[in-house]
PDB file of N, CA and C in Angstrom:
ATOM      1  N   UNK A   1     264.978 117.401 -19.540  1.00  0.00           N
ATOM      2  CA  UNK A   1     265.109 117.117 -20.959  1.00  0.00           C
ATOM      3  C   UNK A   1     263.772 117.364 -21.640  1.00  0.00           C
ATOM      4  N   UNK A   2     263.801 118.021 -22.759  1.00  0.00           N
ATOM      5  CA  UNK A   2     262.585 118.309 -23.504  1.00  0.00           C
ATOM      6  C   UNK A   2     262.571 117.439 -24.750  1.00  0.00           C
ATOM      7  N   UNK A   3     261.518 116.621 -24.883  1.00  0.00           N
ATOM      8  CA  UNK A   3     261.344 115.737 -26.019  1.00  0.00           C
ATOM      9  C   UNK A   3     260.290 116.329 -26.945  1.00  0.00           C
ATOM     10  N   UNK A   4     260.387 116.083 -28.220  1.00  0.00           N
ATOM     11  CA  UNK A   4     259.396 116.595 -29.163  1.00  0.00           C
ATOM     12  C   UNK A   4     258.432 115.485 -29.552  1.00  0.00           C
ATOM     13  N   UNK A   5     257.142 115.767 -29.415  1.00  0.00           N
ATOM     14  CA  UNK A   5     256.088 114.835 -29.800  1.00  0.00           C
ATOM     15  C   UNK A   5     255.145 115.590 -30.718  1.00  0.00           C
ATOM     16  N   UNK A   6     254.942 115.108 -31.926  1.00  0.00           N
ATOM     17  CA  UNK A   6     254.088 115.749 -32.911  1.00  0.00           C
ATOM     18  C   UNK A   6     254.435 117.227 -33.086  1.00  0.00           C
ATOM     19  N   UNK A   7     255.708 117.535 -33.044  1.00  0.00           N
ATOM     20  CA  UNK A   7     256.156 118.896 -33.254  1.00  0.00           C
ATOM     21  C   UNK A   7     256.032 119.798 -32.031  1.00  0.00           C
ATOM     22  N   UNK A   8     255.581 119.268 -30.896  1.00  0.00           N
ATOM     23  CA  UNK A   8     255.445 120.061 -29.674  1.00  0.00           C
ATOM     24  C   UNK A   8     256.367 119.501 -28.610  1.00  0.00           C
ATOM     25  N   UNK A   9     256.904 120.357 -27.796  1.00  0.00           N
ATOM     26  CA  UNK A   9     257.724 119.850 -26.703  1.00  0.00           C
ATOM     27  C   UNK A   9     256.797 119.248 -25.654  1.00  0.00           C
ATOM     28  N   UNK A  10     257.147 118.074 -25.112  1.00  0.00           N
ATOM     29  CA  UNK A  10     256.296 117.421 -24.120  1.00  0.00           C
ATOM     30  C   UNK A  10     256.198 118.255 -22.859  1.00  0.00           C
ATOM     31  N   UNK A  11     257.217 119.017 -22.531  1.00  0.00           N
ATOM     32  CA  UNK A  11     257.171 119.863 -21.345  1.00  0.00           C
ATOM     33  C   UNK A  11     256.050 120.878 -21.486  1.00  0.00           C
ATOM     34  N   UNK A  12     255.987 121.519 -22.637  1.00  0.00           N
ATOM     35  CA  UNK A  12     254.958 122.508 -22.872  1.00  0.00           C
ATOM     36  C   UNK A  12     253.588 121.829 -23.014  1.00  0.00           C
ATOM     37  N   UNK A  13     253.536 120.680 -23.628  1.00  0.00           N
ATOM     38  CA  UNK A  13     252.275 119.965 -23.846  1.00  0.00           C
ATOM     39  C   UNK A  13     251.604 119.605 -22.529  1.00  0.00           C
ATOM     40  N   UNK A  14     252.366 119.094 -21.558  1.00  0.00           N
ATOM     41  CA  UNK A  14     251.774 118.620 -20.321  1.00  0.00           C
ATOM     42  C   UNK A  14     251.697 119.672 -19.223  1.00  0.00           C
ATOM     43  N   UNK A  15     252.234 120.846 -19.453  1.00  0.00           N
ATOM     44  CA  UNK A  15     252.131 121.885 -18.427  1.00  0.00           C
ATOM     45  C   UNK A  15     251.230 123.018 -18.888  1.00  0.00           C
ATOM     46  N   UNK A  16     250.502 122.803 -19.975  1.00  0.00           N
ATOM     47  CA  UNK A  16     249.611 123.848 -20.474  1.00  0.00           C
ATOM     48  C   UNK A  16     248.528 124.145 -19.442  1.00  0.00           C
ATOM     49  N   UNK A  17     248.231 125.417 -19.199  1.00  0.00           N
ATOM     50  CA  UNK A  17     247.204 125.769 -18.214  1.00  0.00           C
ATOM     51  C   UNK A  17     245.853 125.185 -18.604  1.00  0.00           C
ATOM     52  N   UNK A  18     245.161 124.608 -17.641  1.00  0.00           N
ATOM     53  CA  UNK A  18     243.832 124.074 -17.881  1.00  0.00           C
ATOM     54  C   UNK A  18     243.793 122.722 -18.563  1.00  0.00           C
ATOM     55  N   UNK A  19     244.945 122.127 -18.839  1.00  0.00           N
ATOM     56  CA  UNK A  19     244.962 120.848 -19.543  1.00  0.00           C
ATOM     57  C   UNK A  19     244.263 119.762 -18.737  1.00  0.00           C
ATOM     58  N   UNK A  20     244.519 119.693 -17.445  1.00  0.00           N
ATOM     59  CA  UNK A  20     243.890 118.667 -16.601  1.00  0.00           C
ATOM     60  C   UNK A  20     242.383 118.830 -16.595  1.00  0.00           C
ATOM     61  N   UNK A  21     241.894 120.058 -16.506  1.00  0.00           N
ATOM     62  CA  UNK A  21     240.451 120.312 -16.506  1.00  0.00           C
ATOM     63  C   UNK A  21     239.843 119.917 -17.848  1.00  0.00           C
ATOM     64  N   UNK A  22     240.545 120.217 -18.934  1.00  0.00           N
ATOM     65  CA  UNK A  22     240.062 119.857 -20.265  1.00  0.00           C
ATOM     66  C   UNK A  22     239.966 118.344 -20.420  1.00  0.00           C
ATOM     67  N   UNK A  23     240.995 117.641 -19.962  1.00  0.00           N
ATOM     68  CA  UNK A  23     240.994 116.177 -20.047  1.00  0.00           C
ATOM     69  C   UNK A  23     239.866 115.606 -19.204  1.00  0.00           C
ATOM     70  N   UNK A  24     239.668 116.107 -17.986  1.00  0.00           N
ATOM     71  CA  UNK A  24     238.602 115.621 -17.110  1.00  0.00           C
ATOM     72  C   UNK A  24     237.236 115.853 -17.744  1.00  0.00           C
ATOM     73  N   UNK A  25     237.051 117.015 -18.360  1.00  0.00           N
ATOM     74  CA  UNK A  25     235.778 117.313 -19.021  1.00  0.00           C
ATOM     75  C   UNK A  25     235.518 116.332 -20.148  1.00  0.00           C
ATOM     76  N   UNK A  26     236.529 116.065 -20.979  1.00  0.00           N
ATOM     77  CA  UNK A  26     236.349 115.135 -22.095  1.00  0.00           C
ATOM     78  C   UNK A  26     236.114 113.707 -21.604  1.00  0.00           C
ATOM     79  N   UNK A  27     236.756 113.300 -20.529  1.00  0.00           N
ATOM     80  CA  UNK A  27     236.506 111.962 -19.982  1.00  0.00           C
ATOM     81  C   UNK A  27     235.066 111.829 -19.532  1.00  0.00           C
ATOM     82  N   UNK A  28     234.526 112.878 -18.895  1.00  0.00           N
ATOM     83  CA  UNK A  28     233.134 112.849 -18.461  1.00  0.00           C
ATOM     84  C   UNK A  28     232.200 112.817 -19.661  1.00  0.00           C
ATOM     85  N   UNK A  29     232.444 113.683 -20.660  1.00  0.00           N
ATOM     86  CA  UNK A  29     231.605 113.744 -21.855  1.00  0.00           C
ATOM     87  C   UNK A  29     231.607 112.415 -22.591  1.00  0.00           C
ATOM     88  N   UNK A  30     232.755 111.772 -22.672  1.00  0.00           N
ATOM     89  CA  UNK A  30     232.863 110.509 -23.393  1.00  0.00           C
ATOM     90  C   UNK A  30     232.377 109.315 -22.574  1.00  0.00           C
ATOM     91  N   UNK A  31     231.983 109.554 -21.326  1.00  0.00           N
ATOM     92  CA  UNK A  31     231.444 108.479 -20.502  1.00  0.00           C
ATOM     93  C   UNK A  31     232.492 107.670 -19.768  1.00  0.00           C
ATOM     94  N   UNK A  32     233.725 108.141 -19.751  1.00  0.00           N
ATOM     95  CA  UNK A  32     234.788 107.403 -19.070  1.00  0.00           C
ATOM     96  C   UNK A  32     234.719 107.595 -17.555  1.00  0.00           C
ATOM     97  N   UNK A  33     233.950 108.594 -17.112  1.00  0.00           N
ATOM     98  CA  UNK A  33     233.767 108.839 -15.689  1.00  0.00           C
ATOM     99  C   UNK A  33     232.302 108.584 -15.377  1.00  0.00           C
ATOM    100  N   UNK A  34     232.016 107.801 -14.367  1.00  0.00           N
ATOM    101  CA  UNK A  34     230.632 107.462 -14.045  1.00  0.00           C
ATOM    102  C   UNK A  34     229.902 108.667 -13.485  1.00  0.00           C
ATOM    103  N   UNK A  35     228.534 108.716 -13.614  1.00  0.00           N
ATOM    104  CA  UNK A  35     227.763 109.829 -13.090  1.00  0.00           C
ATOM    105  C   UNK A  35     227.959 110.016 -11.589  1.00  0.00           C
ATOM    106  N   UNK A  36     228.183 108.944 -10.855  1.00  0.00           N
ATOM    107  CA  UNK A  36     228.329 109.086  -9.407  1.00  0.00           C
ATOM    108  C   UNK A  36     229.558 109.909  -9.054  1.00  0.00           C
ATOM    109  N   UNK A  37     230.606 109.885  -9.877  1.00  0.00           N
ATOM    110  CA  UNK A  37     231.777 110.709  -9.617  1.00  0.00           C
ATOM    111  C   UNK A  37     231.452 112.184  -9.801  1.00  0.00           C
ATOM    112  N   UNK A  38     230.462 112.459 -10.621  1.00  0.00           N
ATOM    113  CA  UNK A  38     230.080 113.840 -10.851  1.00  0.00           C
ATOM    114  C   UNK A  38     229.282 114.389  -9.674  1.00  0.00           C
ATOM    115  N   UNK A  39     228.875 113.548  -8.737  1.00  0.00           N
ATOM    116  CA  UNK A  39     228.038 113.998  -7.642  1.00  0.00           C
ATOM    117  C   UNK A  39     228.714 113.857  -6.285  1.00  0.00           C
ATOM    118  N   UNK A  40     230.008 113.621  -6.240  1.00  0.00           N
ATOM    119  CA  UNK A  40     230.653 113.471  -4.943  1.00  0.00           C
ATOM    120  C   UNK A  40     230.732 114.817  -4.233  1.00  0.00           C
ATOM    121  N   UNK A  41     230.649 114.782  -2.888  1.00  0.00           N
ATOM    122  CA  UNK A  41     230.708 115.999  -2.080  1.00  0.00           C
ATOM    123  C   UNK A  41     229.327 116.484  -1.702  1.00  0.00           C
ATOM    124  N   UNK A  42     229.203 117.761  -1.321  1.00  0.00           N
ATOM    125  CA  UNK A  42     227.907 118.280  -0.895  1.00  0.00           C
ATOM    126  C   UNK A  42     226.951 118.406  -2.070  1.00  0.00           C
ATOM    127  N   UNK A  43     225.669 118.497  -1.780  1.00  0.00           N
ATOM    128  CA  UNK A  43     224.688 118.707  -2.841  1.00  0.00           C
ATOM    129  C   UNK A  43     223.721 117.566  -3.043  1.00  0.00           C
ATOM    130  N   UNK A  44     223.778 116.551  -2.201  1.00  0.00           N
ATOM    131  CA  UNK A  44     222.845 115.444  -2.318  1.00  0.00           C
ATOM    132  C   UNK A  44     221.758 115.563  -1.252  1.00  0.00           C
ATOM    133  N   UNK A  45     220.732 114.745  -1.400  1.00  0.00           N
ATOM    134  CA  UNK A  45     219.593 114.748  -0.492  1.00  0.00           C
ATOM    135  C   UNK A  45     219.275 113.325  -0.060  1.00  0.00           C
ATOM    136  N   UNK A  46     218.602 113.203   1.080  1.00  0.00           N
ATOM    137  CA  UNK A  46     218.050 111.921   1.525  1.00  0.00           C
ATOM    138  C   UNK A  46     216.565 112.124   1.779  1.00  0.00           C
ATOM    139  N   UNK A  47     215.802 111.049   1.635  1.00  0.00           N
ATOM    140  CA  UNK A  47     214.359 111.090   1.865  1.00  0.00           C
ATOM    141  C   UNK A  47     214.086 111.053   3.366  1.00  0.00           C
ATOM    142  N   UNK A  48     213.196 111.944   3.829  1.00  0.00           N
ATOM    143  CA  UNK A  48     212.760 111.993   5.229  1.00  0.00           C
ATOM    144  C   UNK A  48     211.237 112.183   5.259  1.00  0.00           C
ATOM    145  N   UNK A  49     210.645 111.947   6.418  1.00  0.00           N
ATOM    146  CA  UNK A  49     209.207 112.169   6.617  1.00  0.00           C
ATOM    147  C   UNK A  49     208.329 111.335   5.684  1.00  0.00           C
ATOM    148  N   UNK A  50     208.839 110.174   5.271  1.00  0.00           N
ATOM    149  CA  UNK A  50     208.083 109.245   4.434  1.00  0.00           C
ATOM    150  C   UNK A  50     208.130 107.888   5.134  1.00  0.00           C
ATOM    151  N   UNK A  51     206.978 107.247   5.302  1.00  0.00           N
ATOM    152  CA  UNK A  51     206.909 105.956   5.979  1.00  0.00           C
ATOM    153  C   UNK A  51     207.756 104.914   5.260  1.00  0.00           C
ATOM    154  N   UNK A  52     208.283 103.958   6.021  1.00  0.00           N
ATOM    155  CA  UNK A  52     209.162 102.915   5.474  1.00  0.00           C
ATOM    156  C   UNK A  52     208.471 102.088   4.389  1.00  0.00           C
ATOM    157  N   UNK A  53     207.154 101.966   4.464  1.00  0.00           N
ATOM    158  CA  UNK A  53     206.411 101.157   3.476  1.00  0.00           C
ATOM    159  C   UNK A  53     205.805 102.025   2.364  1.00  0.00           C
ATOM    160  N   UNK A  54     206.303 103.257   2.220  1.00  0.00           N
ATOM    161  CA  UNK A  54     205.797 104.200   1.223  1.00  0.00           C
ATOM    162  C   UNK A  54     206.958 104.676   0.358  1.00  0.00           C
ATOM    163  N   UNK A  55     206.693 105.513  -0.626  1.00  0.00           N
ATOM    164  CA  UNK A  55     207.735 106.112  -1.466  1.00  0.00           C
ATOM    165  C   UNK A  55     207.487 107.606  -1.604  1.00  0.00           C
ATOM    166  N   UNK A  56     208.550 108.335  -1.862  1.00  0.00           N
ATOM    167  CA  UNK A  56     208.432 109.758  -2.205  1.00  0.00           C
ATOM    168  C   UNK A  56     208.298 109.832  -3.718  1.00  0.00           C
ATOM    169  N   UNK A  57     207.202 110.411  -4.181  1.00  0.00           N
ATOM    170  CA  UNK A  57     206.992 110.539  -5.623  1.00  0.00           C
ATOM    171  C   UNK A  57     207.837 111.670  -6.181  1.00  0.00           C
ATOM    172  N   UNK A  58     208.597 111.361  -7.226  1.00  0.00           N
ATOM    173  CA  UNK A  58     209.367 112.362  -7.951  1.00  0.00           C
ATOM    174  C   UNK A  58     208.522 112.741  -9.167  1.00  0.00           C
ATOM    175  N   UNK A  59     208.321 114.027  -9.358  1.00  0.00           N
ATOM    176  CA  UNK A  59     207.405 114.521 -10.396  1.00  0.00           C
ATOM    177  C   UNK A  59     208.149 115.117 -11.593  1.00  0.00           C
ATOM    178  N   UNK A  60     207.496 115.138 -12.745  1.00  0.00           N
ATOM    179  CA  UNK A  60     208.079 115.706 -13.967  1.00  0.00           C
ATOM    180  C   UNK A  60     208.227 117.221 -13.864  1.00  0.00           C
ATOM    181  N   UNK A  61     207.305 117.867 -13.158  1.00  0.00           N
ATOM    182  CA  UNK A  61     207.349 119.315 -12.953  1.00  0.00           C
ATOM    183  C   UNK A  61     207.102 119.609 -11.483  1.00  0.00           C
ATOM    184  N   UNK A  62     207.261 120.835 -11.083  1.00  0.00           N
ATOM    185  CA  UNK A  62     207.091 121.248  -9.693  1.00  0.00           C
ATOM    186  C   UNK A  62     205.605 121.427  -9.361  1.00  0.00           C
ATOM    187  N   UNK A  63     204.885 120.306  -9.356  1.00  0.00           N
ATOM    188  CA  UNK A  63     203.451 120.344  -9.078  1.00  0.00           C
ATOM    189  C   UNK A  63     202.994 118.955  -8.639  1.00  0.00           C
ATOM    190  N   UNK A  64     202.120 118.914  -7.628  1.00  0.00           N
ATOM    191  CA  UNK A  64     201.584 117.639  -7.147  1.00  0.00           C
ATOM    192  C   UNK A  64     200.699 116.961  -8.189  1.00  0.00           C
ATOM    193  N   UNK A  65     200.225 117.724  -9.167  1.00  0.00           N
ATOM    194  CA  UNK A  65     199.388 117.138 -10.213  1.00  0.00           C
ATOM    195  C   UNK A  65     200.205 116.696 -11.429  1.00  0.00           C
ATOM    196  N   UNK A  66     201.510 116.938 -11.404  1.00  0.00           N
ATOM    197  CA  UNK A  66     202.386 116.549 -12.507  1.00  0.00           C
ATOM    198  C   UNK A  66     202.615 115.024 -12.495  1.00  0.00           C
ATOM    199  N   UNK A  67     202.985 114.492 -13.645  1.00  0.00           N
ATOM    200  CA  UNK A  67     203.219 113.058 -13.791  1.00  0.00           C
ATOM    201  C   UNK A  67     204.337 112.567 -12.857  1.00  0.00           C
ATOM    202  N   UNK A  68     204.130 111.405 -12.250  1.00  0.00           N
ATOM    203  CA  UNK A  68     205.152 110.770 -11.418  1.00  0.00           C
ATOM    204  C   UNK A  68     206.173 110.113 -12.349  1.00  0.00           C
ATOM    205  N   UNK A  69     207.472 110.465 -12.163  1.00  0.00           N
ATOM    206  CA  UNK A  69     208.522 109.910 -13.023  1.00  0.00           C
ATOM    207  C   UNK A  69     209.390 108.885 -12.298  1.00  0.00           C
ATOM    208  N   UNK A  70     209.316 108.854 -10.957  1.00  0.00           N
ATOM    209  CA  UNK A  70     210.110 107.898 -10.179  1.00  0.00           C
ATOM    210  C   UNK A  70     209.558 107.850  -8.760  1.00  0.00           C
ATOM    211  N   UNK A  71     209.855 106.767  -8.060  1.00  0.00           N
ATOM    212  CA  UNK A  71     209.488 106.625  -6.661  1.00  0.00           C
ATOM    213  C   UNK A  71     210.739 106.404  -5.835  1.00  0.00           C
ATOM    214  N   UNK A  72     210.958 107.244  -4.818  1.00  0.00           N
ATOM    215  CA  UNK A  72     212.167 107.179  -4.000  1.00  0.00           C
ATOM    216  C   UNK A  72     211.843 106.485  -2.679  1.00  0.00           C
ATOM    217  N   UNK A  73     212.417 105.297  -2.481  1.00  0.00           N
ATOM    218  CA  UNK A  73     212.167 104.494  -1.287  1.00  0.00           C
ATOM    219  C   UNK A  73     213.054 104.999  -0.147  1.00  0.00           C
ATOM    220  N   UNK A  74     212.474 105.354   0.997  1.00  0.00           N
ATOM    221  CA  UNK A  74     213.288 105.847   2.118  1.00  0.00           C
ATOM    222  C   UNK A  74     214.370 104.833   2.517  1.00  0.00           C
ATOM    223  N   UNK A  75     215.604 105.298   2.613  1.00  0.00           N
ATOM    224  CA  UNK A  75     216.716 104.450   3.029  1.00  0.00           C
ATOM    225  C   UNK A  75     217.233 103.497   1.973  1.00  0.00           C
ATOM    226  N   UNK A  76     216.553 103.403   0.827  1.00  0.00           N
ATOM    227  CA  UNK A  76     216.994 102.461  -0.207  1.00  0.00           C
ATOM    228  C   UNK A  76     217.027 103.104  -1.603  1.00  0.00           C
ATOM    229  N   UNK A  77     217.017 104.417  -1.627  1.00  0.00           N
ATOM    230  CA  UNK A  77     217.136 105.105  -2.917  1.00  0.00           C
ATOM    231  C   UNK A  77     218.617 105.223  -3.242  1.00  0.00           C
ATOM    232  N   UNK A  78     218.928 105.443  -4.474  1.00  0.00           N
ATOM    233  CA  UNK A  78     220.331 105.653  -4.853  1.00  0.00           C
ATOM    234  C   UNK A  78     220.755 107.050  -4.452  1.00  0.00           C
ATOM    235  N   UNK A  79     221.430 107.742  -5.341  1.00  0.00           N
ATOM    236  CA  UNK A  79     221.894 109.105  -5.086  1.00  0.00           C
ATOM    237  C   UNK A  79     220.838 110.082  -5.589  1.00  0.00           C
ATOM    238  N   UNK A  80     220.459 111.015  -4.718  1.00  0.00           N
ATOM    239  CA  UNK A  80     219.541 112.088  -5.113  1.00  0.00           C
ATOM    240  C   UNK A  80     220.360 113.372  -5.084  1.00  0.00           C
ATOM    241  N   UNK A  81     220.613 113.936  -6.248  1.00  0.00           N
ATOM    242  CA  UNK A  81     221.440 115.142  -6.352  1.00  0.00           C
ATOM    243  C   UNK A  81     220.549 116.365  -6.530  1.00  0.00           C
ATOM    244  N   UNK A  82     220.766 117.388  -5.707  1.00  0.00           N
ATOM    245  CA  UNK A  82     220.041 118.651  -5.819  1.00  0.00           C
ATOM    246  C   UNK A  82     220.617 119.433  -6.990  1.00  0.00           C
ATOM    247  N   UNK A  83     219.783 119.722  -7.998  1.00  0.00           N
ATOM    248  CA  UNK A  83     220.255 120.356  -9.229  1.00  0.00           C
ATOM    249  C   UNK A  83     220.166 121.878  -9.233  1.00  0.00           C
ATOM    250  N   UNK A  84     219.471 122.457  -8.283  1.00  0.00           N
ATOM    251  CA  UNK A  84     219.316 123.915  -8.252  1.00  0.00           C
ATOM    252  C   UNK A  84     218.589 124.328  -6.993  1.00  0.00           C
ATOM    253  N   UNK A  85     218.162 125.579  -6.949  1.00  0.00           N
ATOM    254  CA  UNK A  85     217.452 126.098  -5.787  1.00  0.00           C
ATOM    255  C   UNK A  85     216.031 125.543  -5.732  1.00  0.00           C
ATOM    256  N   UNK A  86     215.561 125.302  -4.508  1.00  0.00           N
ATOM    257  CA  UNK A  86     214.174 124.891  -4.305  1.00  0.00           C
ATOM    258  C   UNK A  86     213.313 126.140  -4.450  1.00  0.00           C
ATOM    259  N   UNK A  87     212.197 126.001  -5.159  1.00  0.00           N
ATOM    260  CA  UNK A  87     211.363 127.151  -5.518  1.00  0.00           C
ATOM    261  C   UNK A  87     209.904 126.943  -5.133  1.00  0.00           C
ATOM    262  N   UNK A  88     209.134 128.028  -5.021  1.00  0.00           N
ATOM    263  CA  UNK A  88     209.549 129.421  -5.063  1.00  0.00           C
ATOM    264  C   UNK A  88     210.216 129.829  -3.752  1.00  0.00           C
ATOM    265  N   UNK A  89     211.247 130.638  -3.856  1.00  0.00           N
ATOM    266  CA  UNK A  89     212.001 131.043  -2.669  1.00  0.00           C
ATOM    267  C   UNK A  89     211.163 131.882  -1.706  1.00  0.00           C
ATOM    268  N   UNK A  90     210.085 132.464  -2.189  1.00  0.00           N
ATOM    269  CA  UNK A  90     209.219 133.282  -1.337  1.00  0.00           C
ATOM    270  C   UNK A  90     208.303 132.425  -0.453  1.00  0.00           C
ATOM    271  N   UNK A  91     208.218 131.131  -0.760  1.00  0.00           N
ATOM    272  CA  UNK A  91     207.358 130.224   0.018  1.00  0.00           C
ATOM    273  C   UNK A  91     208.112 129.634   1.198  1.00  0.00           C
ATOM    274  N   UNK A  92     207.386 129.193   2.235  1.00  0.00           N
ATOM    275  CA  UNK A  92     208.049 128.482   3.335  1.00  0.00           C
ATOM    276  C   UNK A  92     208.750 127.231   2.792  1.00  0.00           C
ATOM    277  N   UNK A  93     209.806 126.785   3.495  1.00  0.00           N
ATOM    278  CA  UNK A  93     210.604 125.661   3.026  1.00  0.00           C
ATOM    279  C   UNK A  93     209.759 124.439   2.664  1.00  0.00           C
ATOM    280  N   UNK A  94     208.840 124.067   3.525  1.00  0.00           N
ATOM    281  CA  UNK A  94     208.047 122.850   3.315  1.00  0.00           C
ATOM    282  C   UNK A  94     207.179 122.916   2.059  1.00  0.00           C
ATOM    283  N   UNK A  95     206.905 124.118   1.576  1.00  0.00           N
ATOM    284  CA  UNK A  95     206.050 124.280   0.395  1.00  0.00           C
ATOM    285  C   UNK A  95     206.827 124.356  -0.917  1.00  0.00           C
ATOM    286  N   UNK A  96     208.137 124.362  -0.838  1.00  0.00           N
ATOM    287  CA  UNK A  96     208.956 124.495  -2.053  1.00  0.00           C
ATOM    288  C   UNK A  96     209.131 123.166  -2.779  1.00  0.00           C
ATOM    289  N   UNK A  97     209.497 123.269  -4.054  1.00  0.00           N
ATOM    290  CA  UNK A  97     209.827 122.114  -4.884  1.00  0.00           C
ATOM    291  C   UNK A  97     211.297 122.202  -5.263  1.00  0.00           C
ATOM    292  N   UNK A  98     211.994 121.062  -5.228  1.00  0.00           N
ATOM    293  CA  UNK A  98     213.438 121.018  -5.503  1.00  0.00           C
ATOM    294  C   UNK A  98     213.721 120.222  -6.776  1.00  0.00           C
ATOM    295  N   UNK A  99     214.513 120.789  -7.702  1.00  0.00           N
ATOM    296  CA  UNK A  99     214.896 120.052  -8.913  1.00  0.00           C
ATOM    297  C   UNK A  99     216.007 119.051  -8.567  1.00  0.00           C
ATOM    298  N   UNK A 100     215.824 117.797  -8.955  1.00  0.00           N
ATOM    299  CA  UNK A 100     216.783 116.754  -8.590  1.00  0.00           C
ATOM    300  C   UNK A 100     217.077 115.818  -9.755  1.00  0.00           C
ATOM    301  N   UNK A 101     218.208 115.118  -9.616  1.00  0.00           N
ATOM    302  CA  UNK A 101     218.524 113.989 -10.490  1.00  0.00           C
ATOM    303  C   UNK A 101     218.696 112.791  -9.584  1.00  0.00           C
ATOM    304  N   UNK A 102     218.044 111.688  -9.922  1.00  0.00           N
ATOM    305  CA  UNK A 102     218.112 110.458  -9.131  1.00  0.00           C
ATOM    306  C   UNK A 102     218.956 109.440  -9.893  1.00  0.00           C
ATOM    307  N   UNK A 103     220.090 109.055  -9.288  1.00  0.00           N
ATOM    308  CA  UNK A 103     220.972 108.021  -9.844  1.00  0.00           C
ATOM    309  C   UNK A 103     220.724 106.744  -9.056  1.00  0.00           C
ATOM    310  N   UNK A 104     220.242 105.709  -9.713  1.00  0.00           N
ATOM    311  CA  UNK A 104     219.968 104.440  -9.037  1.00  0.00           C
ATOM    312  C   UNK A 104     220.430 103.307  -9.944  1.00  0.00           C
ATOM    313  N   UNK A 105     221.642 102.824  -9.706  1.00  0.00           N
ATOM    314  CA  UNK A 105     222.222 101.821 -10.604  1.00  0.00           C
ATOM    315  C   UNK A 105     222.458 102.454 -11.959  1.00  0.00           C
ATOM    316  N   UNK A 106     221.944 101.827 -13.013  1.00  0.00           N
ATOM    317  CA  UNK A 106     222.100 102.352 -14.371  1.00  0.00           C
ATOM    318  C   UNK A 106     220.994 103.330 -14.744  1.00  0.00           C
ATOM    319  N   UNK A 107     220.016 103.508 -13.878  1.00  0.00           N
ATOM    320  CA  UNK A 107     218.872 104.372 -14.158  1.00  0.00           C
ATOM    321  C   UNK A 107     219.137 105.790 -13.643  1.00  0.00           C
ATOM    322  N   UNK A 108     218.907 106.782 -14.507  1.00  0.00           N
ATOM    323  CA  UNK A 108     219.044 108.190 -14.128  1.00  0.00           C
ATOM    324  C   UNK A 108     217.735 108.889 -14.480  1.00  0.00           C
ATOM    325  N   UNK A 109     217.134 109.551 -13.482  1.00  0.00           N
ATOM    326  CA  UNK A 109     215.861 110.236 -13.684  1.00  0.00           C
ATOM    327  C   UNK A 109     215.975 111.665 -13.188  1.00  0.00           C
ATOM    328  N   UNK A 110     215.465 112.609 -13.965  1.00  0.00           N
ATOM    329  CA  UNK A 110     215.407 114.014 -13.553  1.00  0.00           C
ATOM    330  C   UNK A 110     213.966 114.349 -13.209  1.00  0.00           C
ATOM    331  N   UNK A 111     213.794 115.182 -12.167  1.00  0.00           N
ATOM    332  CA  UNK A 111     212.448 115.577 -11.792  1.00  0.00           C
ATOM    333  C   UNK A 111     212.449 116.529 -10.613  1.00  0.00           C
ATOM    334  N   UNK A 112     211.339 116.555  -9.894  1.00  0.00           N
ATOM    335  CA  UNK A 112     211.127 117.483  -8.779  1.00  0.00           C
ATOM    336  C   UNK A 112     210.591 116.723  -7.582  1.00  0.00           C
ATOM    337  N   UNK A 113     211.026 117.124  -6.386  1.00  0.00           N
ATOM    338  CA  UNK A 113     210.497 116.558  -5.136  1.00  0.00           C
ATOM    339  C   UNK A 113     210.111 117.706  -4.211  1.00  0.00           C
ATOM    340  N   UNK A 114     209.136 117.431  -3.342  1.00  0.00           N
ATOM    341  CA  UNK A 114     208.708 118.425  -2.360  1.00  0.00           C
ATOM    342  C   UNK A 114     209.769 118.551  -1.276  1.00  0.00           C
ATOM    343  N   UNK A 115     210.154 119.786  -0.934  1.00  0.00           N
ATOM    344  CA  UNK A 115     211.255 120.050   0.003  1.00  0.00           C
ATOM    345  C   UNK A 115     211.023 119.433   1.377  1.00  0.00           C
ATOM    346  N   UNK A 116     209.789 119.347   1.826  1.00  0.00           N
ATOM    347  CA  UNK A 116     209.532 118.830   3.180  1.00  0.00           C
ATOM    348  C   UNK A 116     209.874 117.352   3.323  1.00  0.00           C
ATOM    349  N   UNK A 117     210.103 116.664   2.194  1.00  0.00           N
ATOM    350  CA  UNK A 117     210.395 115.231   2.239  1.00  0.00           C
ATOM    351  C   UNK A 117     211.870 114.897   1.984  1.00  0.00           C
ATOM    352  N   UNK A 118     212.731 115.911   1.919  1.00  0.00           N
ATOM    353  CA  UNK A 118     214.160 115.661   1.710  1.00  0.00           C
ATOM    354  C   UNK A 118     214.990 116.502   2.677  1.00  0.00           C
ATOM    355  N   UNK A 119     216.212 116.055   2.918  1.00  0.00           N
ATOM    356  CA  UNK A 119     217.155 116.766   3.788  1.00  0.00           C
ATOM    357  C   UNK A 119     218.527 116.711   3.133  1.00  0.00           C
ATOM    358  N   UNK A 120     219.327 117.765   3.361  1.00  0.00           N
ATOM    359  CA  UNK A 120     220.690 117.820   2.810  1.00  0.00           C
ATOM    360  C   UNK A 120     221.526 116.638   3.287  1.00  0.00           C
ATOM    361  N   UNK A 121     222.433 116.184   2.428  1.00  0.00           N
ATOM    362  CA  UNK A 121     223.316 115.078   2.738  1.00  0.00           C
ATOM    363  C   UNK A 121     224.580 115.194   1.883  1.00  0.00           C
ATOM    364  N   UNK A 122     225.665 114.619   2.357  1.00  0.00           N
ATOM    365  CA  UNK A 122     226.879 114.531   1.547  1.00  0.00           C
ATOM    366  C   UNK A 122     226.650 113.473   0.463  1.00  0.00           C
ATOM    367  N   UNK A 123     227.134 113.729  -0.723  1.00  0.00           N
ATOM    368  CA  UNK A 123     227.067 112.722  -1.783  1.00  0.00           C
ATOM    369  C   UNK A 123     228.136 111.674  -1.520  1.00  0.00           C
ATOM    370  N   UNK A 124     227.827 110.418  -1.835  1.00  0.00           N
ATOM    371  CA  UNK A 124     228.825 109.357  -1.622  1.00  0.00           C
ATOM    372  C   UNK A 124     230.018 109.488  -2.551  1.00  0.00           C
TER     373      UNK A 124
END
C-alpha cells in the first residue's frame, strides 16, 4: 500500500537512493552521533615506547619544537585516531610525524605525534 505524506508517496520517500547515508550525515553534523562512533573500526593508534610514568607529547605541528597541545598517558589515553598519512613518507618510520585526533571524554584535541611512539590499533 502506498500512502501519501506531504504530497510524496512514502514508498518512494523511504526507498530513495542514498537516503540512509544522508540521514546519517545529518545526524553526525547535528551532534546526534557521538565522535567515538565516527572512529569505530581500523585507523586508531595506541601509545608505545613511553614509560608508564611519562606521557607522549602531542604537538600543534609536526615538529619537536612546536607547542604541546596534549599529553597522552600510556594505557590510559582515550581514542587516538590517525587522521592521515605519517610524513614525510621519504623518512624512516620512526622519524615521521602522524596527524591525529585525541578523543578523551568530552575533550577533543587535534595535533601530531611522532610515529615511533604509536602503533596501529582497532578503534573501540
